[in-house]
C-alpha atoms as a PDB file:
ATOM      1  CA  MET A   1     -27.497   4.670  17.320  1.00  0.00           C
ATOM      2  CA  ILE A   2     -25.396   1.599  16.557  1.00  0.00           C
ATOM      3  CA  VAL A   3     -24.472   3.092  13.265  1.00  0.00           C
ATOM      4  CA  ALA A   4     -23.510   6.459  15.093  1.00  0.00           C
ATOM      5  CA  ARG A   5     -21.129   4.364  17.374  1.00  0.00           C
ATOM      6  CA  MET A   6     -19.568   2.597  14.443  1.00  0.00           C
ATOM      7  CA  ARG A   7     -19.029   5.799  12.615  1.00  0.00           C
ATOM      8  CA  ALA A   8     -17.367   7.204  15.816  1.00  0.00           C
ATOM      9  CA  ARG A   9     -14.943   4.402  15.748  1.00  0.00           C
ATOM     10  CA  ARG A  10     -14.083   4.311  11.984  1.00  0.00           C
ATOM     11  CA  GLY A  11     -11.442   6.497  10.461  1.00  0.00           C
ATOM     12  CA  MET A  12      -8.870   5.813  13.150  1.00  0.00           C
ATOM     13  CA  ARG A  13      -5.694   7.626  13.448  1.00  0.00           C
ATOM     14  CA  ILE A  14      -2.863   5.384  13.641  1.00  0.00           C
ATOM     15  CA  SER A  15      -1.965   5.767  17.451  1.00  0.00           C
ATOM     16  CA  GLU A  16       1.496   5.707  19.223  1.00  0.00           C
ATOM     17  CA  GLN A  17       0.153   2.502  20.638  1.00  0.00           C
ATOM     18  CA  HIS A  18       0.142   1.110  17.173  1.00  0.00           C
ATOM     19  CA  ILE A  19       3.550   2.304  16.261  1.00  0.00           C
ATOM     20  CA  ASP A  20       4.994   0.641  19.460  1.00  0.00           C
ATOM     21  CA  HIS A  21       3.158  -2.648  18.364  1.00  0.00           C
ATOM     22  CA  LEU A  22       4.772  -2.335  15.045  1.00  0.00           C
ATOM     23  CA  ASN A  23       8.217  -1.764  16.345  1.00  0.00           C
ATOM     24  CA  GLU A  24       7.946  -4.442  18.906  1.00  0.00           C
ATOM     25  CA  LYS A  25       6.317  -7.121  16.866  1.00  0.00           C
ATOM     26  CA  GLY A  26       7.112  -6.219  13.212  1.00  0.00           C
ATOM     27  CA  TYR A  27       3.448  -5.711  12.260  1.00  0.00           C
ATOM     28  CA  VAL A  28       0.316  -4.172  13.482  1.00  0.00           C
ATOM     29  CA  LEU A  29      -3.387  -4.237  12.514  1.00  0.00           C
ATOM     30  CA  VAL A  30      -5.294  -1.028  12.691  1.00  0.00           C
ATOM     31  CA  ASP A  31      -8.889  -2.025  12.555  1.00  0.00           C
ATOM     32  CA  ASP A  32     -11.468   0.457  10.832  1.00  0.00           C
ATOM     33  CA  PHE A  33      -8.954   2.591   9.288  1.00  0.00           C
ATOM     34  CA  LEU A  34     -11.064   3.845   6.546  1.00  0.00           C
ATOM     35  CA  THR A  35     -14.364   5.645   7.258  1.00  0.00           C
ATOM     36  CA  LEU A  36     -17.596   4.072   6.309  1.00  0.00           C
ATOM     37  CA  SER A  37     -17.868   6.395   3.386  1.00  0.00           C
ATOM     38  CA  GLU A  38     -14.249   5.842   2.310  1.00  0.00           C
ATOM     39  CA  LEU A  39     -14.611   2.254   2.377  1.00  0.00           C
ATOM     40  CA  ALA A  40     -17.828   2.334   0.254  1.00  0.00           C
ATOM     41  CA  GLU A  41     -16.301   4.498  -2.310  1.00  0.00           C
ATOM     42  CA  CYS A  42     -13.063   1.981  -2.261  1.00  0.00           C
ATOM     43  CA  GLN A  43     -15.204  -1.007  -2.654  1.00  0.00           C
ATOM     44  CA  ALA A  44     -17.323   0.592  -5.344  1.00  0.00           C
ATOM     45  CA  ALA A  45     -14.055   1.397  -7.370  1.00  0.00           C
ATOM     46  CA  THR A  46     -12.685  -2.012  -6.763  1.00  0.00           C
ATOM     47  CA  ALA A  47     -15.846  -3.593  -8.320  1.00  0.00           C
ATOM     48  CA  ARG A  48     -15.139  -1.697 -11.491  1.00  0.00           C
ATOM     49  CA  TYR A  49     -11.762  -3.392 -11.841  1.00  0.00           C
ATOM     50  CA  PHE A  50     -12.628  -6.855 -10.583  1.00  0.00           C
ATOM     51  CA  PRO A  51     -15.911  -9.057 -10.595  1.00  0.00           C
ATOM     52  CA  SER A  52     -17.185 -11.165  -7.938  1.00  0.00           C
ATOM     53  CA  GLY A  53     -16.480 -14.970  -7.914  1.00  0.00           C
ATOM     54  CA  LEU A  54     -19.937 -15.809  -8.676  1.00  0.00           C
ATOM     55  CA  GLU A  55     -19.879 -13.189 -11.712  1.00  0.00           C
ATOM     56  CA  ILE A  56     -16.851 -15.103 -13.145  1.00  0.00           C
ATOM     57  CA  LEU A  57     -18.518 -18.376 -12.717  1.00  0.00           C
ATOM     58  CA  ALA A  58     -21.681 -17.226 -14.267  1.00  0.00           C
ATOM     59  CA  THR A  59     -20.000 -15.883 -17.515  1.00  0.00           C
ATOM     60  CA  PRO A  60     -16.433 -17.536 -17.357  1.00  0.00           C
ATOM     61  CA  GLN A  61     -15.581 -16.631 -21.058  1.00  0.00           C
ATOM     62  CA  ARG A  62     -16.091 -13.242 -20.524  1.00  0.00           C
ATOM     63  CA  TYR A  63     -13.268 -13.171 -17.746  1.00  0.00           C
ATOM     64  CA  ALA A  64     -10.929 -15.614 -19.415  1.00  0.00           C
ATOM     65  CA  HIS A  65      -8.281 -13.079 -19.453  1.00  0.00           C
ATOM     66  CA  LEU A  66      -9.038 -11.094 -16.356  1.00  0.00           C
ATOM     67  CA  GLU A  67      -5.893  -9.341 -14.815  1.00  0.00           C
ATOM     68  CA  LYS A  68      -6.096  -9.879 -11.081  1.00  0.00           C
ATOM     69  CA  VAL A  69      -3.873  -6.784 -10.235  1.00  0.00           C
ATOM     70  CA  ALA A  70      -4.261  -3.129 -11.091  1.00  0.00           C
ATOM     71  CA  SER A  71      -1.631  -0.459 -10.327  1.00  0.00           C
ATOM     72  CA  PHE A  72      -1.286   3.148  -9.673  1.00  0.00           C
ATOM     73  CA  PRO A  73      -2.252   5.471 -11.047  1.00  0.00           C
ATOM     74  CA  PHE A  74      -5.867   4.220 -10.806  1.00  0.00           C
ATOM     75  CA  ALA A  75      -8.759   5.391 -13.098  1.00  0.00           C
ATOM     76  CA  CYS A  76     -10.880   5.590  -9.949  1.00  0.00           C
ATOM     77  CA  GLN A  77      -9.521   8.637  -8.183  1.00  0.00           C
ATOM     78  CA  VAL A  78     -10.374   7.399  -4.576  1.00  0.00           C
ATOM     79  CA  LEU A  79      -7.883   4.519  -4.824  1.00  0.00           C
ATOM     80  CA  ASN A  80      -4.979   7.149  -5.655  1.00  0.00           C
ATOM     81  CA  GLU A  81      -6.360   9.411  -2.680  1.00  0.00           C
ATOM     82  CA  VAL A  82      -6.169   6.373  -0.308  1.00  0.00           C
ATOM     83  CA  SER A  83      -2.614   5.589  -1.580  1.00  0.00           C
ATOM     84  CA  THR A  84      -1.676   9.142  -0.307  1.00  0.00           C
ATOM     85  CA  HIS A  85      -4.283   9.331   2.491  1.00  0.00           C
ATOM     86  CA  PRO A  86      -3.388  12.214   4.978  1.00  0.00           C
ATOM     87  CA  ARG A  87      -3.669   9.838   7.953  1.00  0.00           C
ATOM     88  CA  LEU A  88      -1.223   7.468   6.642  1.00  0.00           C
ATOM     89  CA  ILE A  89       1.041  10.365   5.587  1.00  0.00           C
ATOM     90  CA  ASP A  90       0.798  11.703   9.452  1.00  0.00           C
ATOM     91  CA  PHE A  91       1.804   8.060  10.620  1.00  0.00           C
ATOM     92  CA  LEU A  92       4.463   7.789   7.982  1.00  0.00           C
ATOM     93  CA  GLU A  93       6.006  11.133   9.078  1.00  0.00           C
ATOM     94  CA  ARG A  94       6.201   9.944  12.706  1.00  0.00           C
ATOM     95  CA  VAL A  95       7.714   6.548  11.941  1.00  0.00           C
ATOM     96  CA  HIS A  96      10.358   7.572   9.355  1.00  0.00           C
ATOM     97  CA  GLY A  97      11.103  10.778  11.302  1.00  0.00           C
ATOM     98  CA  THR A  98      10.883  12.977   8.166  1.00  0.00           C
ATOM     99  CA  THR A  99       8.255  14.850   6.017  1.00  0.00           C
ATOM    100  CA  GLU A 100      10.210  13.844   2.785  1.00  0.00           C
ATOM    101  CA  LEU A 101       8.248  10.690   1.837  1.00  0.00           C
ATOM    102  CA  ARG A 102       7.745   8.511  -1.322  1.00  0.00           C
ATOM    103  CA  LEU A 103       5.198   6.280  -2.442  1.00  0.00           C
ATOM    104  CA  GLY A 104       6.954   3.033  -3.731  1.00  0.00           C
ATOM    105  CA  GLU A 105       4.224   0.971  -4.990  1.00  0.00           C
ATOM    106  CA  SER A 106       0.382   0.875  -4.856  1.00  0.00           C
ATOM    107  CA  ALA A 107      -1.299  -2.219  -6.383  1.00  0.00           C
ATOM    108  CA  LEU A 108      -5.129  -3.504  -6.151  1.00  0.00           C
ATOM    109  CA  GLN A 109      -5.244  -7.319  -6.059  1.00  0.00           C
ATOM    110  CA  ALA A 110      -8.334  -9.588  -6.253  1.00  0.00           C
ATOM    111  CA  LYS A 111      -7.654 -13.190  -4.892  1.00  0.00           C
ATOM    112  CA  TYR A 112     -10.358 -15.897  -5.743  1.00  0.00           C
ATOM    113  CA  GLY A 113     -11.171 -19.238  -4.423  1.00  0.00           C
ATOM    114  CA  PRO A 114     -10.509 -22.713  -6.046  1.00  0.00           C
ATOM    115  CA  ALA A 115     -13.801 -22.673  -8.177  1.00  0.00           C
ATOM    116  CA  VAL A 116     -12.522 -19.583  -9.872  1.00  0.00           C
ATOM    117  CA  ASP A 117      -8.592 -19.863  -9.703  1.00  0.00           C
ATOM    118  CA  ALA A 118      -7.476 -23.447  -9.768  1.00  0.00           C
ATOM    119  CA  GLY A 119      -3.858 -22.262  -9.172  1.00  0.00           C
ATOM    120  CA  ALA A 120      -4.415 -20.602  -5.970  1.00  0.00           C
ATOM    121  CA  HIS A 121      -2.098 -21.719  -3.363  1.00  0.00           C
ATOM    122  CA  ASP A 122      -0.345 -20.896  -0.041  1.00  0.00           C
ATOM    123  CA  GLN A 123       2.942 -19.077  -0.043  1.00  0.00           C
ATOM    124  CA  PHE A 124       6.044 -19.894   1.928  1.00  0.00           C
ATOM    125  CA  LEU A 125       6.991 -17.648   4.684  1.00  0.00           C
ATOM    126  CA  HIS A 126       9.179 -14.818   3.267  1.00  0.00           C
ATOM    127  CA  VAL A 127      10.381 -11.408   3.517  1.00  0.00           C
ATOM    128  CA  ASP A 128       9.908  -8.633   0.758  1.00  0.00           C
ATOM    129  CA  THR A 129      13.394  -7.045   0.945  1.00  0.00           C
ATOM    130  CA  TRP A 130      15.051  -8.001  -2.283  1.00  0.00           C
ATOM    131  CA  GLY A 131      14.195  -7.905  -5.848  1.00  0.00           C
ATOM    132  CA  LYS A 132      12.395  -4.926  -7.041  1.00  0.00           C
ATOM    133  CA  LYS A 133      11.701  -3.850  -3.381  1.00  0.00           C
ATOM    134  CA  SER A 134      15.205  -2.903  -2.366  1.00  0.00           C
ATOM    135  CA  LEU A 135      18.781  -2.962  -3.316  1.00  0.00           C
ATOM    136  CA  LEU A 136      20.084  -3.364   0.071  1.00  0.00           C
ATOM    137  CA  TYR A 137      19.793  -5.285   3.217  1.00  0.00           C
ATOM    138  CA  PRO A 138      16.735  -3.777   5.152  1.00  0.00           C
ATOM    139  CA  ARG A 139      17.233  -1.547   8.105  1.00  0.00           C
ATOM    140  CA  ASP A 140      13.902  -0.968  10.368  1.00  0.00           C
ATOM    141  CA  ASP A 141      14.610   2.341  11.962  1.00  0.00           C
ATOM    142  CA  GLY A 142      13.948   5.977  11.151  1.00  0.00           C
ATOM    143  CA  PRO A 143      14.404   7.126   7.433  1.00  0.00           C
ATOM    144  CA  PHE A 144      16.131   3.810   6.681  1.00  0.00           C
ATOM    145  CA  ARG A 145      13.023   1.866   6.935  1.00  0.00           C
ATOM    146  CA  GLN A 146      10.512   0.657   4.291  1.00  0.00           C
ATOM    147  CA  THR A 147       6.729   0.326   5.348  1.00  0.00           C
ATOM    148  CA  PHE A 148       4.639  -2.358   3.875  1.00  0.00           C
ATOM    149  CA  MET A 149       0.639  -1.950   3.953  1.00  0.00           C
ATOM    150  CA  ILE A 150      -2.238  -4.035   3.075  1.00  0.00           C
ATOM    151  CA  ILE A 151      -5.666  -2.179   3.061  1.00  0.00           C
ATOM    152  CA  TYR A 152      -8.621  -4.526   2.974  1.00  0.00           C
ATOM    153  CA  TYR A 153     -11.652  -3.669   0.995  1.00  0.00           C
ATOM    154  CA  SER A 154     -13.464  -6.999   2.065  1.00  0.00           C
ATOM    155  CA  ASP A 155     -13.741  -8.835   5.153  1.00  0.00           C
ATOM    156  CA  VAL A 156     -10.782 -11.272   5.918  1.00  0.00           C
ATOM    157  CA  THR A 157     -11.909 -14.532   7.635  1.00  0.00           C
ATOM    158  CA  ALA A 158      -9.880 -17.787   7.915  1.00  0.00           C
ATOM    159  CA  ASP A 159     -11.119 -18.986   4.626  1.00  0.00           C
ATOM    160  CA  LEU A 160     -10.738 -15.865   2.594  1.00  0.00           C
ATOM    161  CA  GLY A 161      -6.831 -15.663   2.281  1.00  0.00           C
ATOM    162  CA  PRO A 162      -5.471 -14.012   5.481  1.00  0.00           C
ATOM    163  CA  THR A 163      -1.991 -13.055   5.405  1.00  0.00           C
ATOM    164  CA  CYS A 164       0.180 -14.910   8.221  1.00  0.00           C
ATOM    165  CA  VAL A 165       2.849 -13.056   9.919  1.00  0.00           C
ATOM    166  CA  VAL A 166       5.465 -14.057  12.451  1.00  0.00           C
ATOM    167  CA  SER A 167       6.304 -11.771  15.203  1.00  0.00           C
ATOM    168  CA  LYS A 168       9.830 -10.341  15.505  1.00  0.00           C
ATOM    169  CA  GLU A 169      10.227 -11.730  18.907  1.00  0.00           C
ATOM    170  CA  HIS A 170      10.577 -15.258  17.296  1.00  0.00           C
ATOM    171  CA  THR A 171      12.857 -14.208  14.530  1.00  0.00           C
ATOM    172  CA  ARG A 172      15.259 -11.481  15.891  1.00  0.00           C
ATOM    173  CA  ASP A 173      18.514 -13.761  15.623  1.00  0.00           C
ATOM    174  CA  LEU A 174      17.325 -15.406  12.261  1.00  0.00           C
ATOM    175  CA  ALA A 175      19.102 -14.342   9.090  1.00  0.00           C
ATOM    176  CA  LEU A 176      16.793 -12.928   6.298  1.00  0.00           C
ATOM    177  CA  LEU A 177      18.493 -14.888   3.645  1.00  0.00           C
ATOM    178  CA  THR A 178      18.961 -18.811   4.123  1.00  0.00           C
ATOM    179  CA  ALA A 179      22.131 -20.536   3.610  1.00  0.00           C
ATOM    180  CA  ASP A 180      21.136 -21.169   0.030  1.00  0.00           C
ATOM    181  CA  ARG A 181      20.459 -17.497  -0.303  1.00  0.00           C
ATOM    182  CA  HIS A 182      16.711 -17.746  -0.310  1.00  0.00           C
ATOM    183  CA  THR A 183      14.106 -15.181   1.071  1.00  0.00           C
ATOM    184  CA  PHE A 184      11.611 -17.824   1.579  1.00  0.00           C
ATOM    185  CA  ARG A 185      11.359 -20.661   4.088  1.00  0.00           C
ATOM    186  CA  ARG A 186       9.672 -24.011   3.729  1.00  0.00           C
ATOM    187  CA  PRO A 187       7.480 -25.667   6.533  1.00  0.00           C
ATOM    188  CA  GLU A 188       9.460 -28.741   6.609  1.00  0.00           C
ATOM    189  CA  ASP A 189      12.784 -26.788   7.179  1.00  0.00           C
ATOM    190  CA  TYR A 190      11.292 -24.251   9.568  1.00  0.00           C
ATOM    191  CA  PRO A 191       8.321 -25.924  11.565  1.00  0.00           C
ATOM    192  CA  GLN A 192       8.813 -23.679  14.379  1.00  0.00           C
ATOM    193  CA  LEU A 193       8.212 -20.743  12.522  1.00  0.00           C
ATOM    194  CA  TYR A 194       4.936 -21.912  10.992  1.00  0.00           C
ATOM    195  CA  GLN A 195       3.825 -22.878  14.569  1.00  0.00           C
ATOM    196  CA  HIS A 196       4.451 -19.243  15.573  1.00  0.00           C
ATOM    197  CA  GLU A 197       2.659 -17.443  12.581  1.00  0.00           C
ATOM    198  CA  GLN A 198      -0.506 -15.646  13.255  1.00  0.00           C
ATOM    199  CA  PRO A 199      -3.307 -15.422  10.589  1.00  0.00           C
ATOM    200  CA  ILE A 200      -4.459 -11.657  10.303  1.00  0.00           C
ATOM    201  CA  LEU A 201      -8.142 -11.609  10.325  1.00  0.00           C
ATOM    202  CA  ALA A 202      -9.835  -8.223   9.657  1.00  0.00           C
ATOM    203  CA  ARG A 203     -12.848  -6.130   8.802  1.00  0.00           C
ATOM    204  CA  ALA A 204     -12.930  -4.410   5.519  1.00  0.00           C
ATOM    205  CA  GLY A 205     -11.619  -1.089   5.955  1.00  0.00           C
ATOM    206  CA  SER A 206      -8.736  -2.271   8.174  1.00  0.00           C
ATOM    207  CA  VAL A 207      -5.050  -2.010   7.204  1.00  0.00           C
ATOM    208  CA  LEU A 208      -2.158  -4.379   8.109  1.00  0.00           C
ATOM    209  CA  ILE A 209       1.134  -2.493   8.580  1.00  0.00           C
ATOM    210  CA  PHE A 210       4.413  -4.278   8.683  1.00  0.00           C
ATOM    211  CA  SER A 211       8.165  -4.076   8.251  1.00  0.00           C
ATOM    212  CA  ALA A 212      10.494  -5.073   5.729  1.00  0.00           C
ATOM    213  CA  ALA A 213      12.118  -7.810   7.851  1.00  0.00           C
ATOM    214  CA  THR A 214       8.850  -9.225   9.006  1.00  0.00           C
ATOM    215  CA  LEU A 215       8.319 -12.940   7.926  1.00  0.00           C
ATOM    216  CA  HIS A 216       4.837 -13.263   6.333  1.00  0.00           C
ATOM    217  CA  ARG A 217       3.045 -15.096   3.826  1.00  0.00           C
ATOM    218  CA  GLY A 218      -0.167 -15.020   1.803  1.00  0.00           C
ATOM    219  CA  THR A 219      -2.642 -17.831   2.022  1.00  0.00           C
ATOM    220  CA  ALA A 220      -5.154 -19.113  -0.501  1.00  0.00           C
ATOM    221  CA  VAL A 221      -8.839 -18.278  -0.577  1.00  0.00           C
ATOM    222  CA  THR A 222     -10.507 -21.656   0.244  1.00  0.00           C
ATOM    223  CA  THR A 223     -14.143 -20.670  -0.130  1.00  0.00           C
ATOM    224  CA  PRO A 224     -14.879 -22.031  -3.578  1.00  0.00           C
ATOM    225  CA  ALA A 225     -16.362 -18.906  -5.189  1.00  0.00           C
ATOM    226  CA  GLY A 226     -14.726 -16.541  -2.337  1.00  0.00           C
ATOM    227  CA  VAL A 227     -12.759 -13.467  -3.142  1.00  0.00           C
ATOM    228  CA  ARG A 228     -10.567 -11.138  -1.166  1.00  0.00           C
ATOM    229  CA  TYR A 229      -9.927  -7.564  -2.177  1.00  0.00           C
ATOM    230  CA  ALA A 230      -6.741  -5.895  -0.960  1.00  0.00           C
ATOM    231  CA  HIS A 231      -4.769  -2.860  -1.727  1.00  0.00           C
ATOM    232  CA  PHE A 232      -0.976  -3.354  -1.393  1.00  0.00           C
ATOM    233  CA  ILE A 233       1.228  -0.205  -0.651  1.00  0.00           C
ATOM    234  CA  THR A 234       4.858   0.694   0.125  1.00  0.00           C
ATOM    235  CA  TYR A 235       6.495   3.754   1.449  1.00  0.00           C
ATOM    236  CA  HIS A 236      10.079   5.062   2.194  1.00  0.00           C
ATOM    237  CA  ALA A 237      11.700   8.273   2.917  1.00  0.00           C
ATOM    238  CA  ALA A 238      13.064  10.350  -0.147  1.00  0.00           C
ATOM    239  CA  ALA A 239      16.638   9.822   1.063  1.00  0.00           C
ATOM    240  CA  ALA A 240      16.336   6.013   0.941  1.00  0.00           C
ATOM    241  CA  THR A 241      17.128   5.976  -2.772  1.00  0.00           C
ATOM    242  CA  TRP A 242      17.891   2.163  -2.763  1.00  0.00           C
ATOM    243  CA  LEU A 243      14.132   1.435  -1.952  1.00  0.00           C
ATOM    244  CA  GLN A 244      11.538   0.720  -4.786  1.00  0.00           C
ATOM    245  CA  SER A 245       9.997   4.002  -6.243  1.00  0.00           C
ATOM    246  CA  LEU A 246       7.681   5.015  -8.982  1.00  0.00           C
ATOM    247  CA  ALA A 247       9.754   6.187 -11.981  1.00  0.00           C
ATOM    248  CA  TRP A 248       8.788   8.577 -14.476  1.00  0.00           C
ATOM    249  CA  PRO A 249       8.372   7.297 -17.243  1.00  0.00           C
ATOM    250  CA  SER A 250       9.981   3.982 -17.975  1.00  0.00           C
ATOM    251  CA  GLY A 251       9.067   0.394 -18.550  1.00  0.00           C
ATOM    252  CA  ASP A 252       5.517  -0.376 -17.452  1.00  0.00           C
ATOM    253  CA  ARG A 253       5.540   2.498 -15.090  1.00  0.00           C
ATOM    254  CA  PRO A 254       2.671   4.996 -15.492  1.00  0.00           C
ATOM    255  CA  HIS A 255       3.390   7.665 -17.977  1.00  0.00           C
ATOM    256  CA  PRO A 256       3.164  11.397 -16.430  1.00  0.00           C
ATOM    257  CA  ASP A 257       0.854  12.495 -19.234  1.00  0.00           C
ATOM    258  CA  SER A 258      -1.669   9.488 -18.624  1.00  0.00           C
ATOM    259  CA  ALA A 259      -5.076  10.635 -17.860  1.00  0.00           C
ATOM    260  CA  ALA A 260      -5.320   8.955 -14.513  1.00  0.00           C
ATOM    261  CA  LEU A 261      -1.998  10.376 -13.362  1.00  0.00           C
ATOM    262  CA  GLN A 262      -2.632  13.837 -14.780  1.00  0.00           C
ATOM    263  CA  ARG A 263      -6.363  13.723 -12.950  1.00  0.00           C
ATOM    264  CA  PHE A 264      -4.361  12.657  -9.622  1.00  0.00           C
ATOM    265  CA  LEU A 265      -1.877  15.486  -9.787  1.00  0.00           C
ATOM    266  CA  GLU A 266      -4.299  18.053 -10.729  1.00  0.00           C
ATOM    267  CA  THR A 267      -6.892  17.349  -7.946  1.00  0.00           C
ATOM    268  CA  GLY A 268      -4.423  16.230  -5.226  1.00  0.00           C
ATOM    269  CA  THR A 269      -2.797  18.209  -2.512  1.00  0.00           C
ATOM    270  CA  ALA A 270       0.614  19.548  -2.788  1.00  0.00           C
ATOM    271  CA  ARG A 271       1.331  17.195   0.090  1.00  0.00           C
ATOM    272  CA  GLN A 272      -0.043  14.161  -1.940  1.00  0.00           C
ATOM    273  CA  ARG A 273       1.938  15.137  -5.047  1.00  0.00           C
ATOM    274  CA  GLU A 274       5.012  15.146  -2.953  1.00  0.00           C
ATOM    275  CA  MET A 275       4.693  11.399  -2.384  1.00  0.00           C
ATOM    276  CA  LEU A 276       5.598  11.007  -6.145  1.00  0.00           C
ATOM    277  CA  GLY A 277       8.615  13.312  -5.946  1.00  0.00           C
ATOM    278  CA  PHE A 278       6.670  16.329  -7.084  1.00  0.00           C
ATOM    279  CA  PRO A 279       8.802  19.500  -5.527  1.00  0.00           C
ATOM    280  CA  ALA A 280       7.259  20.984  -2.545  1.00  0.00           C
ATOM    281  CA  PRO A 281       6.196  24.678  -2.346  1.00  0.00           C
ATOM    282  CA  GLY A 282       9.246  26.480  -1.553  1.00  0.00           C
ATOM    283  CA  HIS A 283      11.777  23.966  -3.005  1.00  0.00           C
ATOM    284  CA  PRO A 284      14.535  25.855  -5.137  1.00  0.00           C
ATOM    285  CA  TYR A 285      12.876  24.214  -8.322  1.00  0.00           C
ATOM    286  CA  TRP A 286      10.260  26.670  -8.170  1.00  0.00           C
ATOM    287  CA  ASN A 287      10.704  30.151 -10.196  1.00  0.00           C
ATOM    288  CA  ALA A 288       8.580  32.117 -12.401  1.00  0.00           C
ATOM    289  CA  ALA A 289       9.292  30.044 -15.495  1.00  0.00           C
ATOM    290  CA  THR A 290       8.815  26.817 -13.785  1.00  0.00           C
ATOM    291  CA  LEU A 291       5.575  27.955 -12.208  1.00  0.00           C
ATOM    292  CA  GLN A 292       4.160  29.062 -15.517  1.00  0.00           C
ATOM    293  CA  GLY A 293       5.224  25.885 -17.318  1.00  0.00           C
ATOM    294  CA  VAL A 294       3.802  23.622 -14.707  1.00  0.00           C
ATOM    295  CA  SER A 295       0.604  25.367 -14.724  1.00  0.00           C
ATOM    296  CA  GLU A 296       0.384  25.074 -18.509  1.00  0.00           C
ATOM    297  CA  ARG A 297       1.275  21.191 -18.356  1.00  0.00           C
ATOM    298  CA  TYR A 298      -1.573  20.741 -15.609  1.00  0.00           C
ATOM    299  CA  PRO A 299      -4.038  23.305 -16.252  1.00  0.00           C
ATOM    300  CA  GLY A 300      -6.520  21.968 -13.546  1.00  0.00           C
ATOM    301  CA  MET A 301      -3.828  22.234 -10.764  1.00  0.00           C
ATOM    302  CA  ASP A 302      -4.026  24.833  -8.001  1.00  0.00           C
ATOM    303  CA  MET A 303      -0.558  26.629  -8.222  1.00  0.00           C
ATOM    304  CA  THR A 304      -1.302  28.839  -5.235  1.00  0.00           C
ATOM    305  CA  PRO A 305       0.864  27.324  -2.735  1.00  0.00           C
ATOM    306  CA  TYR A 306       3.855  27.203  -5.009  1.00  0.00           C
ATOM    307  CA  ALA A 307       3.155  30.872  -6.081  1.00  0.00           C
ATOM    308  CA  GLU A 308       2.892  32.036  -2.482  1.00  0.00           C
ATOM    309  CA  HIS A 309       6.175  30.541  -1.540  1.00  0.00           C
ATOM    310  CA  LEU A 310       7.829  32.180  -4.627  1.00  0.00           C
ATOM    311  CA  GLU A 311       6.260  35.658  -3.648  1.00  0.00           C
ATOM    312  CA  ARG A 312       7.616  35.299  -0.266  1.00  0.00           C
ATOM    313  CA  ARG A 313      11.052  34.479  -1.460  1.00  0.00           C
ATOM    314  CA  ALA A 314      11.100  37.068  -3.949  1.00  0.00           C
ATOM    315  CA  GLY A 315       9.871  39.779  -1.370  1.00  0.00           C
END
């Protein structure tokens, strides 16, 4: 009976109350966003990328060159599906006021305690609004906003690297760039901000959502062999071309012909593909030639939605 009640609470839709909190405070924690089965699949997928702290300590030479970050597209399909989760898309459509959305970044991270990672440290409070994230000053409304999310695949307690956030009520009159043009703020220079910060403690399966102008910082895992697994994702409206997007194919971005990306494109829904810039059913791109060509490039893709729109247009 207890398990049944737990399942009833899991897999939460992001409510209007959550959106109100996000707009007022600049952040919101949605507890138990993932269902128990979704969480279990994500945890199993994460274990394929990253060992536990105890595993590393047992055979350190095996993990001497361990990469602590993995990026979209993932070999484990469930992580791609979570990046374009229907309930996240539903929330984003309401917040951004458009159905034309884009996935900006999707990265899986393992953060280890000091027995494993001696270089682990607390970050300074900062905003993620410059560099690769955006060409412009952030605007946190409608189609101009950039939405940041952290989905937790392990419990986050005070000693397992919680993210700290500062509510917008304490930063409304604060310039996002300091006088010396930094996006971060040191505690000795801004003690009042650090007094107002709140550590986000969360159960596995929960998601922290925050805006581009929200001051926040990562903290170190202090449990010696502890580890925190988290999935960092950003989104924006397609019209906001100045915000970070996945590019095809350039630099270290995933190549469209990679096996992981092809699997995602072939098995995902049309709506999920749109998050990468794939033209929606009914888009002017689609004609008889492109329908045939795309079906040949992605033989496992169900072309029915695109074909049906094309038929209606022709008829």
